[in-house]
Each structure stands twice: as structure tokens, then as C-alpha cells.
Amino acid sequence: MQRMIRLDTMNWVWILIGIIILTMLATALIAKPVQVGVKTAALLLDLGVSHQWEMNAIPRGILISEVTYPCGNRTIAANLYRPAGQRRHSGIILAHGAIKDGKDDSALRLAGKSLARAGYVALIPQLDNLCRFRLHPDDIEALVASFQYLSRQKFTSDKIGMMGVCLSAPLVLLAAAEPSISQDIAVISSWGSYYNIKDWVQAVITEHCTYRGETKPWKPRVALAEEVFNWLIELVPSPSDRVCIEEMLRESSSASAETSLSPSGRAMYELLTNRDPERVGELWARLDHKTQQTLASLSPHLRIDQLQAKMVIIHTLVDDAIPSVESLKLADAIEDENKVYFRIFHQFTHVSVEDLLKVRISNLRSMLSEAAHFYLFIYHILYQL
């Protein structure tokens, strides 16, 4: 009899241990870090499979549509990707870079579909000025209007983030600083942004970038430098000055600068032809007041203290559009270290993350490390949603 009692007691102990273990496993599976980790892995797997084989790794129905909404006296067009059904989901606004196809870029279409299959609402607005390789405050307003549109939808929860890539990243930062939405943004992601527009323009014009007092050579891509020059010339108030500057740059002659240009036109011409990084500040200060105001409105460094949300910042070490030191400055400017995730990547360039798929024995270890950190980049964004 006593032996039977001891056996029964042992059985109950093992049953109790089993219940505890099952409870712990169930708790782990429903814990947010585990859920987000699984979603991140599924999203990246779906992106990879879609890119390589045009297949879906996540068997989920999604809805795709083009939507429009007002922005002042304009109408913004955007591509909307969301899970099918009536449930509410977290959302993210993806801002395209300086690309001709804008919201219809093939890589963005893949990203929008994969995000929707992973259970997120993705909105990709058309930024008309960036499609023409122009930075303009109108695109900041378009991003604010996009956030407001998405926050009004019945299929979206109150968790909405914003992500910018390359030249759209500073616009996202500036949009996120707007008082009308700054308190409501769940996360801000910056991939390859500039921090101070003067420092970026200096890098493009003089082919040198500066960080913490140290100046180093940096080579921008030729097409980017040409478009930056064209954009800056368009900021000159006088049409005759603009024509004259273009002619003088084509002829590589400054002989008539004193007599042919107004003071503001001459200041822009001297800035564009300057190759000394130390002179940029002086020449910048001589630009037309309205031009300086426009440029200031496009510089995140002046509004960084107005950002409220968690920041997720990455850059590639080799980037011929914006030097990586700009993201270093951005990360340095965030006083609360708990508010920022920051990483510099070495194994792919600019935004060509598909380079991580080019694995060889010689670079296997570094590629695996980079892939793990890219996973963490996406994880940190999704964790806030």
C-alpha cells in the first residue's frame, strides 16, 4: 500500500512538472519577442523567395490597391498592401528613394506584398519631386498626409511606423518631427540618410566628407553629382542667373561671374565650383536668404530633438549617394541610447541588400554576421509595431 502511494505521488510530481514545462513553452510562444522574431524570419524568407523564384513563402491572402487622399490643394497617389479580412493590423509607410518609378518600383512592390503577407499594412506614397531627383518640402507634406490617411483606416491599428531609404530618409525624419503626427508614430527607420544637408552637399561638391573634425575623401556617383548640381541651380531665384550658371559650368569658365551674375547667383556659382571643404560654410552663408530657408527646411539636424519615436538607423560603409558618416552624426545626435538601434553594414553597398545572397566560402562568416544584423534591423522595426 505504501509503495502504491509513493508511485502515485511520483506520478503527480511528473504530471505537475509536465504542466509547468508546457505552461512555460506556451508563455514563450505567445511572448512578443518570440512572435516578432518569427514574423521577422517569415518576412525575410518571403522576400527572398519572392525575389529569387517569384513564389510566396507565407500562404496568406492579401489585398492590393491604389488609393488617393488630399494633401493641401494636391492629391497624393499611393499603393496600399494589406492582409485580407476585417482585422486591424499595424502599419508602416515606405518612402521610396530618388527613383524614376517611385511607388511602382519592383523592389517596393515585393516589400509591400511580403509585409502584407506577414500581417502588416504597407502604404507606399508617390513622392513626385524625388521621382525627378529633387528634394522639396512638398514631399515632406505628402508623408505627413500619408500617415494621417493610414491612421484613419479601419483596418489599421494605432501602431504605425515610417521608413525612408537614401534621399527619402531625411524627408521621413522631417515628417516624423511634425507636431501633428510626432506623438503618434510608433517607429522611425532611416536607411542611408544624411543628417546635415550642408555637410552632404559639401561631400558631393568637394568629394570630401567630415566627421568629428576629420575630413576624408569620398567619391559620389557621377549621376548623383550632376542631379545635385542641377537641383541647386534651380534654387537660384533669378532665371537669368540660372541660365548663366549652367553656361559657365559647361564652359568651365568664371571670367564673367563678377559681371554676369547677381550677388546670389555668384554665391551659388562659387559654391558649385568650390573644391575646398573648409570654404563651404562661408559660401553657404552667402546664398540667397530664400535658398537658405529652403535648404534648412530639408535638414534633419535642425529638428532632431522633436523626434519622439524609437529610431532604427542603418547605413552601408560604402555608399556613393550619401557618405556613411551622415548616419553616424544622426546616431550621435540621439541623446537617449535606448531610443536608437544603429548599425553600419560592410558587405553590401548603398541599398543593394541582395548582395548578402552572394555567399562564398571566403566570406561566409562575415556574410552570416551581416545577415544576422540585417535580421535585427528588421526585428527592431517590427517590434515597435
Protein backbone atom coordinates (compact mmCIF):
# COMPACT_ATOMS: atom_id res chain seq x y z
CA MET A 1 0.00 0.00 0.00
CA GLN A 2 2.74 2.48 0.94
CA ARG A 3 4.58 1.62 -2.31
CA MET A 4 1.45 2.41 -4.34
CA ILE A 5 1.06 5.74 -2.53
CA ARG A 6 4.69 6.61 -3.32
CA LEU A 7 4.17 5.72 -7.00
CA ASP A 8 1.01 7.84 -7.17
CA THR A 9 2.84 10.72 -5.56
CA MET A 10 5.71 10.43 -8.07
CA ASN A 11 3.23 10.33 -10.96
CA TRP A 12 1.59 13.52 -9.75
CA VAL A 13 5.01 15.16 -9.41
CA TRP A 14 5.86 14.29 -13.02
CA ILE A 15 2.44 15.47 -14.20
CA LEU A 16 2.96 18.74 -12.34
CA ILE A 17 6.44 19.16 -13.87
CA GLY A 18 4.96 18.47 -17.32
CA ILE A 19 2.24 21.07 -16.79
CA ILE A 20 4.84 23.63 -15.70
CA ILE A 21 7.01 22.92 -18.75
CA LEU A 22 4.03 23.16 -21.12
CA THR A 23 2.94 26.41 -19.47
CA MET A 24 6.44 27.86 -19.87
CA LEU A 25 6.56 26.82 -23.55
CA ALA A 26 3.12 28.30 -24.19
CA THR A 27 4.13 31.53 -22.47
CA ALA A 28 7.31 31.72 -24.55
CA LEU A 29 5.40 31.16 -27.78
CA ILE A 30 2.92 33.96 -27.08
CA ALA A 31 5.59 36.35 -25.77
CA LYS A 32 6.06 39.37 -28.03
CA PRO A 33 9.82 38.87 -28.69
CA VAL A 34 9.15 35.34 -29.95
CA GLN A 35 6.19 36.42 -32.06
CA VAL A 36 8.12 39.29 -33.62
CA GLY A 37 11.13 37.05 -34.17
CA VAL A 38 9.02 34.53 -36.06
CA LYS A 39 7.34 37.28 -38.10
CA THR A 40 10.71 38.81 -38.96
CA ALA A 41 12.08 35.48 -40.14
CA ALA A 42 8.91 34.80 -42.17
CA LEU A 43 9.03 38.25 -43.76
CA LEU A 44 12.66 37.92 -44.80
CA LEU A 45 12.09 34.40 -46.08
CA ASP A 46 9.12 35.57 -48.12
CA LEU A 47 11.12 38.47 -49.53
CA GLY A 48 13.98 36.18 -50.50
CA VAL A 49 11.75 33.57 -52.10
CA SER A 50 9.74 36.23 -53.96
CA HIS A 51 12.93 37.87 -55.25
CA GLN A 52 14.62 34.66 -56.34
CA TRP A 53 11.77 32.48 -57.59
CA GLU A 54 8.66 34.72 -57.71
CA MET A 55 6.95 32.49 -55.14
CA ASN A 56 5.34 33.12 -51.75
CA ALA A 57 6.71 31.65 -48.55
CA ILE A 58 3.73 32.84 -46.48
CA PRO A 59 0.35 31.38 -47.58
CA ARG A 60 -1.82 34.38 -46.81
CA GLY A 61 -4.37 36.30 -48.86
CA ILE A 62 -3.60 39.99 -49.36
CA LEU A 63 -5.34 42.99 -50.92
CA ILE A 64 -3.50 45.42 -53.21
CA SER A 65 -4.95 48.73 -54.38
CA GLU A 66 -4.02 52.23 -55.44
CA VAL A 67 -5.50 54.88 -53.16
CA THR A 68 -5.62 58.67 -53.24
CA TYR A 69 -6.00 61.23 -50.46
CA PRO A 70 -5.71 65.01 -50.11
CA CYS A 71 -2.59 66.95 -49.17
CA GLY A 72 -3.36 70.65 -49.10
CA ASN A 73 -4.54 71.52 -52.61
CA ARG A 74 -2.92 68.39 -54.08
CA THR A 75 -3.89 64.73 -54.30
CA ILE A 76 -1.42 62.04 -53.30
CA ALA A 77 -1.48 58.65 -55.00
CA ALA A 78 -0.17 55.62 -53.10
CA ASN A 79 -0.01 51.84 -53.36
CA LEU A 80 -1.67 50.07 -50.44
CA TYR A 81 -0.86 46.49 -49.41
CA ARG A 82 -2.77 44.81 -46.57
CA PRO A 83 -3.84 41.41 -45.27
CA ALA A 84 -7.27 40.24 -46.40
CA GLY A 85 -10.03 40.21 -43.79
CA GLN A 86 -11.56 42.58 -41.26
CA ARG A 87 -8.88 42.53 -38.56
CA ARG A 88 -6.86 45.60 -37.68
CA HIS A 89 -3.11 45.43 -38.32
CA SER A 90 -0.06 47.55 -37.57
CA GLY A 91 1.07 49.69 -40.49
CA ILE A 92 4.21 51.14 -42.00
CA ILE A 93 4.75 53.87 -44.57
CA LEU A 94 7.58 53.09 -47.00
CA ALA A 95 9.06 56.16 -48.68
CA HIS A 96 10.79 55.44 -51.99
CA GLY A 97 14.14 56.97 -52.85
CA ALA A 98 15.17 59.07 -55.85
CA ILE A 99 13.94 56.58 -58.43
CA LYS A 100 12.01 57.16 -61.62
CA ASP A 101 9.34 54.51 -60.96
CA GLY A 102 8.56 55.86 -57.49
CA LYS A 103 5.87 53.85 -55.69
CA ASP A 104 5.77 51.34 -58.56
CA ASP A 105 9.42 50.29 -58.20
CA SER A 106 9.65 46.50 -58.42
CA ALA A 107 11.60 46.12 -55.15
CA LEU A 108 9.00 48.18 -53.29
CA ARG A 109 6.21 46.09 -54.75
CA LEU A 110 7.89 42.95 -53.41
CA ALA A 111 8.37 44.58 -50.00
CA GLY A 112 4.74 45.73 -49.83
CA LYS A 113 3.41 42.26 -50.69
CA SER A 114 5.71 40.48 -48.22
CA LEU A 115 4.79 42.91 -45.43
CA ALA A 116 1.09 42.29 -46.09
CA ARG A 117 1.59 38.51 -46.07
CA ALA A 118 3.46 38.88 -42.76
CA GLY A 119 0.44 40.66 -41.27
CA TYR A 120 1.23 44.36 -41.75
CA VAL A 121 -0.36 47.18 -43.71
CA ALA A 122 2.12 48.89 -46.05
CA LEU A 123 1.48 52.25 -47.73
CA ILE A 124 3.88 53.49 -50.41
CA PRO A 125 3.08 57.07 -51.48
CA GLN A 126 4.26 58.67 -54.70
CA LEU A 127 6.78 61.43 -53.94
CA ASP A 128 6.73 63.40 -57.18
CA ASN A 129 9.81 65.51 -56.53
CA LEU A 130 12.01 62.56 -55.57
CA CYS A 131 10.97 60.83 -58.79
CA ARG A 132 12.66 63.78 -60.55
CA PHE A 133 15.65 63.57 -58.20
CA ARG A 134 14.65 66.77 -56.42
CA LEU A 135 14.43 67.38 -52.67
CA HIS A 136 11.41 69.51 -51.85
CA PRO A 137 9.31 70.29 -48.74
CA ASP A 138 6.18 69.19 -50.64
CA ASP A 139 7.29 65.58 -50.28
CA ILE A 140 7.55 66.03 -46.51
CA GLU A 141 3.94 67.24 -46.51
CA ALA A 142 2.98 64.21 -48.61
CA LEU A 143 4.50 61.87 -46.00
CA VAL A 144 2.60 63.62 -43.18
CA ALA A 145 -0.64 63.30 -45.18
CA SER A 146 0.16 59.62 -45.79
CA PHE A 147 0.49 58.96 -42.07
CA GLN A 148 -2.77 60.77 -41.37
CA TYR A 149 -4.55 58.81 -44.10
CA LEU A 150 -3.34 55.44 -42.81
CA SER A 151 -4.20 56.28 -39.20
CA ARG A 152 -7.84 56.91 -40.22
CA GLN A 153 -8.38 53.49 -41.80
CA LYS A 154 -10.50 50.84 -40.05
CA PHE A 155 -8.05 48.09 -41.00
CA THR A 156 -5.10 49.81 -39.28
CA SER A 157 -4.26 49.71 -35.58
CA ASP A 158 -2.77 52.62 -33.66
CA LYS A 159 0.77 51.31 -34.32
CA ILE A 160 2.12 52.96 -37.47
CA GLY A 161 5.77 53.49 -38.38
CA MET A 162 7.68 55.25 -41.15
CA MET A 163 10.71 54.11 -43.13
CA GLY A 164 12.86 56.10 -45.56
CA VAL A 165 15.64 54.90 -47.85
CA CYS A 166 18.51 57.06 -49.13
CA LEU A 167 17.17 60.54 -50.04
CA SER A 168 13.70 59.79 -48.72
CA ALA A 169 15.15 59.02 -45.26
CA PRO A 170 15.79 62.68 -44.31
CA LEU A 171 12.28 63.52 -45.54
CA VAL A 172 10.86 60.81 -43.27
CA LEU A 173 12.81 62.21 -40.33
CA LEU A 174 11.44 65.69 -41.03
CA ALA A 175 7.88 64.42 -41.49
CA ALA A 176 8.13 62.48 -38.22
CA ALA A 177 9.13 65.72 -36.45
CA GLU A 178 5.89 67.46 -37.45
CA PRO A 179 3.84 68.21 -34.31
CA SER A 180 0.62 66.92 -35.93
CA ILE A 181 1.95 63.34 -36.02
CA SER A 182 5.18 63.19 -33.97
CA GLN A 183 3.49 61.84 -30.84
CA ASP A 184 1.67 59.09 -32.71
CA ILE A 185 4.49 57.46 -34.70
CA ALA A 186 5.49 54.04 -33.38
CA VAL A 187 8.93 53.79 -35.01
CA ILE A 188 11.13 55.74 -37.44
CA SER A 189 13.55 53.90 -39.70
CA SER A 190 16.35 55.64 -41.57
CA TRP A 191 18.36 53.70 -44.17
CA GLY A 192 21.26 55.72 -45.56
CA SER A 193 20.10 59.24 -44.64
CA TYR A 194 22.02 62.48 -44.47
CA TYR A 195 21.90 64.35 -41.16
CA ASN A 196 23.03 67.86 -42.15
CA ILE A 197 22.19 68.92 -45.70
CA LYS A 198 25.13 71.35 -45.84
CA ASP A 199 27.57 68.57 -44.97
CA TRP A 200 26.04 66.29 -47.60
CA VAL A 201 26.18 68.98 -50.30
CA GLN A 202 29.78 69.66 -49.27
CA ALA A 203 30.60 65.97 -49.74
CA VAL A 204 29.02 65.89 -53.20
CA ILE A 205 30.67 69.11 -54.42
CA THR A 206 34.14 68.81 -52.88
CA GLU A 207 34.30 64.99 -52.81
CA HIS A 208 35.27 65.12 -49.13
CA CYS A 209 33.18 64.29 -46.07
CA THR A 210 33.77 65.42 -42.50
CA TYR A 211 33.11 63.70 -39.18
CA ARG A 212 34.24 64.94 -35.77
CA GLY A 213 36.68 67.39 -37.32
CA GLU A 214 38.32 64.82 -39.60
CA THR A 215 37.94 65.24 -43.36
CA LYS A 216 38.28 62.26 -45.70
CA PRO A 217 37.93 61.74 -49.47
CA TRP A 218 34.57 60.44 -50.67
CA LYS A 219 33.51 59.81 -54.25
CA PRO A 220 29.84 60.35 -55.18
CA ARG A 221 28.32 58.62 -58.17
CA VAL A 222 28.52 60.78 -61.29
CA ALA A 223 24.77 60.81 -61.99
CA LEU A 224 24.03 61.91 -58.42
CA ALA A 225 26.54 64.77 -58.56
CA GLU A 226 25.02 66.01 -61.83
CA GLU A 227 21.49 65.98 -60.43
CA VAL A 228 22.54 67.70 -57.20
CA PHE A 229 24.16 70.48 -59.25
CA ASN A 230 21.00 70.83 -61.37
CA TRP A 231 18.78 70.91 -58.29
CA LEU A 232 20.89 73.58 -56.56
CA ILE A 233 20.88 75.74 -59.69
CA GLU A 234 17.07 75.51 -59.77
CA LEU A 235 17.02 77.06 -56.28
CA VAL A 236 18.60 80.29 -57.59
CA PRO A 237 15.82 82.93 -57.67
CA SER A 238 16.81 84.65 -60.93
CA PRO A 239 16.10 82.80 -64.23
CA SER A 240 18.91 84.72 -65.96
CA ASP A 241 21.33 83.68 -63.20
CA ARG A 242 20.31 80.04 -63.65
CA VAL A 243 20.96 80.15 -67.38
CA CYS A 244 24.28 81.92 -66.88
CA ILE A 245 25.49 79.45 -64.22
CA GLU A 246 24.65 76.49 -66.45
CA GLU A 247 26.57 78.03 -69.37
CA MET A 248 29.57 78.88 -67.20
CA LEU A 249 29.71 75.35 -65.76
CA ARG A 250 29.56 73.85 -69.23
CA GLU A 251 32.39 76.11 -70.41
CA SER A 252 34.38 75.71 -67.16
CA SER A 253 34.92 79.46 -67.13
CA SER A 254 34.47 82.01 -64.35
CA ALA A 255 35.61 85.03 -66.34
CA SER A 256 32.16 86.66 -66.43
CA ALA A 257 30.96 85.68 -62.95
CA GLU A 258 31.50 89.15 -61.49
CA THR A 259 29.65 91.00 -64.25
CA SER A 260 27.05 88.46 -65.42
CA LEU A 261 25.63 87.24 -62.11
CA SER A 262 23.72 88.88 -59.28
CA PRO A 263 25.23 88.51 -55.77
CA SER A 264 23.02 85.49 -55.02
CA GLY A 265 23.81 83.91 -58.39
CA ARG A 266 27.51 84.48 -57.87
CA ALA A 267 27.31 82.89 -54.41
CA MET A 268 25.73 79.74 -55.86
CA TYR A 269 28.26 79.58 -58.70
CA GLU A 270 31.18 79.87 -56.29
CA LEU A 271 29.69 77.16 -54.08
CA LEU A 272 29.30 74.80 -57.03
CA THR A 273 32.84 75.37 -58.28
CA ASN A 274 34.48 75.26 -54.85
CA ARG A 275 36.60 72.20 -54.02
CA ASP A 276 37.79 73.26 -50.55
CA PRO A 277 35.64 71.72 -47.76
CA GLU A 278 36.67 74.46 -45.33
CA ARG A 279 35.15 77.18 -47.54
CA VAL A 280 31.69 75.62 -47.80
CA GLY A 281 30.36 77.23 -44.60
CA GLU A 282 31.36 80.71 -45.74
CA LEU A 283 29.91 80.23 -49.24
CA TRP A 284 26.74 78.69 -47.85
CA ALA A 285 26.15 81.78 -45.70
CA ARG A 286 26.29 83.97 -48.82
CA LEU A 287 23.46 82.15 -50.60
CA ASP A 288 20.17 83.92 -51.18
CA HIS A 289 18.07 84.03 -47.98
CA LYS A 290 15.14 82.16 -49.55
CA THR A 291 17.51 79.47 -50.85
CA GLN A 292 18.99 79.07 -47.37
CA GLN A 293 15.49 78.73 -45.91
CA THR A 294 14.57 76.02 -48.42
CA LEU A 295 17.76 74.09 -47.69
CA ALA A 296 17.26 74.45 -43.93
CA SER A 297 13.74 73.03 -44.25
CA LEU A 298 15.31 69.87 -45.73
CA SER A 299 17.90 69.32 -42.99
CA PRO A 300 17.03 66.88 -40.15
CA HIS A 301 19.77 68.22 -37.87
CA LEU A 302 17.64 71.27 -37.10
CA ARG A 303 14.68 69.21 -35.86
CA ILE A 304 16.23 66.11 -34.39
CA ASP A 305 15.10 67.00 -30.85
CA GLN A 306 11.46 66.90 -31.99
CA LEU A 307 11.53 63.20 -32.85
CA GLN A 308 9.66 61.17 -30.24
CA ALA A 309 9.65 57.59 -31.51
CA LYS A 310 12.22 54.79 -31.38
CA MET A 311 14.84 55.24 -34.12
CA VAL A 312 16.24 52.41 -36.23
CA ILE A 313 19.22 53.62 -38.28
CA ILE A 314 21.44 51.77 -40.73
CA HIS A 315 23.94 52.74 -43.41
CA THR A 316 26.44 50.91 -45.59
CA LEU A 317 30.10 51.76 -45.21
CA VAL A 318 30.44 52.00 -48.99
CA ASP A 319 27.71 54.36 -50.21
CA ASP A 320 28.19 56.62 -53.22
CA ALA A 321 24.94 58.55 -52.67
CA ILE A 322 25.34 59.69 -49.06
CA PRO A 323 28.51 59.08 -47.01
CA SER A 324 28.02 56.81 -44.00
CA VAL A 325 29.37 59.49 -41.64
CA GLU A 326 26.00 61.24 -42.01
CA SER A 327 24.25 58.37 -40.21
CA LEU A 328 27.00 58.39 -37.60
CA LYS A 329 26.13 62.04 -36.92
CA LEU A 330 22.44 61.16 -36.79
CA ALA A 331 23.01 58.37 -34.27
CA ASP A 332 25.29 60.62 -32.20
CA ALA A 333 22.55 63.24 -32.00
CA ILE A 334 20.09 60.90 -30.25
CA GLU A 335 20.77 61.55 -26.58
CA ASP A 336 18.85 58.55 -25.24
CA GLU A 337 20.77 55.43 -26.32
CA ASN A 338 17.72 53.29 -25.54
CA LYS A 339 15.80 55.10 -28.28
CA VAL A 340 18.11 54.10 -31.12
CA TYR A 341 19.32 50.97 -32.90
CA PHE A 342 22.29 51.73 -35.17
CA ARG A 343 24.39 49.62 -37.50
CA ILE A 344 26.93 50.16 -40.28
CA PHE A 345 26.99 47.34 -42.85
CA HIS A 346 30.16 46.34 -44.71
CA GLN A 347 29.12 43.51 -47.04
CA PHE A 348 26.69 45.33 -49.34
CA THR A 349 26.63 48.80 -50.86
CA HIS A 350 24.03 51.59 -50.72
CA VAL A 351 20.68 49.71 -50.60
CA SER A 352 21.74 46.59 -52.54
CA VAL A 353 20.87 44.14 -49.77
CA GLU A 354 20.65 41.33 -52.36
CA ASP A 355 24.48 41.30 -52.20
CA LEU A 356 24.06 39.31 -48.97
CA LEU A 357 22.91 36.38 -51.11
CA LYS A 358 26.31 36.24 -52.85
CA VAL A 359 27.87 33.92 -50.30
CA ARG A 360 31.25 32.26 -50.88
CA ILE A 361 33.45 30.16 -48.61
CA SER A 362 35.88 33.05 -48.28
CA ASN A 363 33.24 35.47 -46.99
CA LEU A 364 30.83 33.03 -45.31
CA ARG A 365 31.48 34.19 -41.76
CA SER A 366 31.18 37.91 -42.48
CA MET A 367 28.09 37.38 -44.66
CA LEU A 368 26.35 35.38 -41.94
CA SER A 369 27.16 38.13 -39.44
CA GLU A 370 25.78 40.82 -41.77
CA ALA A 371 22.66 38.74 -42.46
CA ALA A 372 22.08 38.35 -38.71
CA HIS A 373 22.37 42.08 -38.16
CA PHE A 374 20.03 42.81 -41.07
CA TYR A 375 17.54 40.45 -39.40
CA LEU A 376 17.94 42.50 -36.20
CA PHE A 377 17.37 45.71 -38.18
CA ILE A 378 14.00 44.45 -39.40
CA TYR A 379 13.24 42.93 -35.98
CA HIS A 380 13.75 46.28 -34.23
CA ILE A 381 11.31 47.95 -36.63
CA LEU A 382 8.62 45.28 -36.32
CA TYR A 383 8.98 45.06 -32.53
CA GLN A 384 7.63 48.63 -32.23
CA LEU A 385 4.57 47.88 -34.38
